[in-house]
């Protein structure tokens, strides 16, 4: 590892070793995302957005009815 006086260590000149430092060619990296959980969370979030949109539409309709009655 090369350590400079002003720049910290030089990550590009020396290959760094560590706990997971094995490099394998012609392999695929496994995903760290659970698709089932992510899809479920997306559906729940979308349902929340749709509920909020419906609330705004209802409030708008109520306000428009009140304005029509007053006029």
Protein backbone atom coordinates (compact mmCIF):
# COMPACT_ATOMS: atom_id res chain seq x y z
CA UNK A 1 0.00 0.00 0.00
CA UNK A 2 1.37 3.38 -0.99
CA UNK A 3 0.77 6.20 1.45
CA UNK A 4 1.27 9.77 0.27
CA UNK A 5 1.89 12.69 2.58
CA UNK A 6 -1.00 14.79 1.28
CA UNK A 7 -3.36 12.42 -0.51
CA UNK A 8 -3.99 9.40 1.78
CA UNK A 9 -3.47 6.01 0.26
CA UNK A 10 -3.29 5.34 -3.43
CA UNK A 11 -6.04 2.84 -4.22
CA UNK A 12 -5.00 2.55 -7.86
CA UNK A 13 -1.41 1.42 -7.54
CA UNK A 14 -1.74 -1.65 -5.30
CA UNK A 15 -4.45 -4.30 -5.24
CA UNK A 16 -6.06 -4.21 -1.84
CA UNK A 17 -6.56 -7.40 0.17
CA UNK A 18 -9.15 -8.07 2.78
CA UNK A 19 -11.75 -10.51 3.99
CA UNK A 20 -13.56 -10.66 0.61
CA UNK A 21 -10.64 -10.01 -1.71
CA UNK A 22 -11.04 -13.00 -4.04
CA UNK A 23 -11.56 -12.01 -7.68
CA UNK A 24 -13.05 -14.65 -9.95
CA UNK A 25 -13.34 -14.35 -13.69
CA UNK A 26 -16.40 -15.39 -15.71
CA UNK A 27 -18.77 -15.33 -12.72
CA UNK A 28 -21.94 -13.41 -12.04
CA UNK A 29 -22.47 -11.26 -8.98
CA UNK A 30 -25.48 -12.36 -6.98
CA UNK A 31 -28.13 -9.78 -6.24
CA UNK A 32 -28.42 -8.38 -2.72
CA UNK A 33 -32.03 -7.31 -3.30
CA UNK A 34 -35.01 -9.43 -2.30
CA UNK A 35 -37.38 -8.88 -5.23
CA UNK A 36 -40.42 -10.24 -3.40
CA UNK A 37 -40.00 -7.77 -0.55
CA UNK A 38 -39.31 -4.88 -2.91
CA UNK A 39 -42.38 -5.62 -5.06
CA UNK A 40 -44.57 -5.92 -1.96
CA UNK A 41 -43.30 -2.59 -0.63
CA UNK A 42 -43.88 -0.98 -4.03
CA UNK A 43 -47.47 -2.25 -4.17
CA UNK A 44 -48.16 -1.01 -0.63
CA UNK A 45 -46.66 2.37 -1.49
CA UNK A 46 -48.71 2.60 -4.69
CA UNK A 47 -51.89 1.81 -2.75
CA UNK A 48 -51.05 4.62 -0.33
CA UNK A 49 -50.57 7.07 -3.20
CA UNK A 50 -53.88 6.04 -4.75
CA UNK A 51 -55.66 6.52 -1.41
CA UNK A 52 -54.16 10.00 -1.07
CA UNK A 53 -55.22 10.92 -4.60
CA UNK A 54 -58.77 9.78 -3.86
CA UNK A 55 -58.79 11.89 -0.67
CA UNK A 56 -57.71 14.97 -2.61
CA UNK A 57 -60.38 14.32 -5.26
CA UNK A 58 -63.04 13.98 -2.57
CA UNK A 59 -61.95 17.20 -0.85
CA UNK A 60 -61.90 19.01 -4.20
CA UNK A 61 -65.38 17.75 -5.05
CA UNK A 62 -66.69 18.80 -1.64
CA UNK A 63 -65.16 22.27 -1.99
CA UNK A 64 -66.61 22.65 -5.49
CA UNK A 65 -70.08 21.66 -4.19
CA UNK A 66 -69.83 24.24 -1.41
CA UNK A 67 -68.78 26.92 -3.88
CA UNK A 68 -71.68 26.01 -6.17
CA UNK A 69 -74.15 26.24 -3.27
CA UNK A 70 -72.78 29.65 -2.21
CA UNK A 71 -72.97 31.04 -5.75
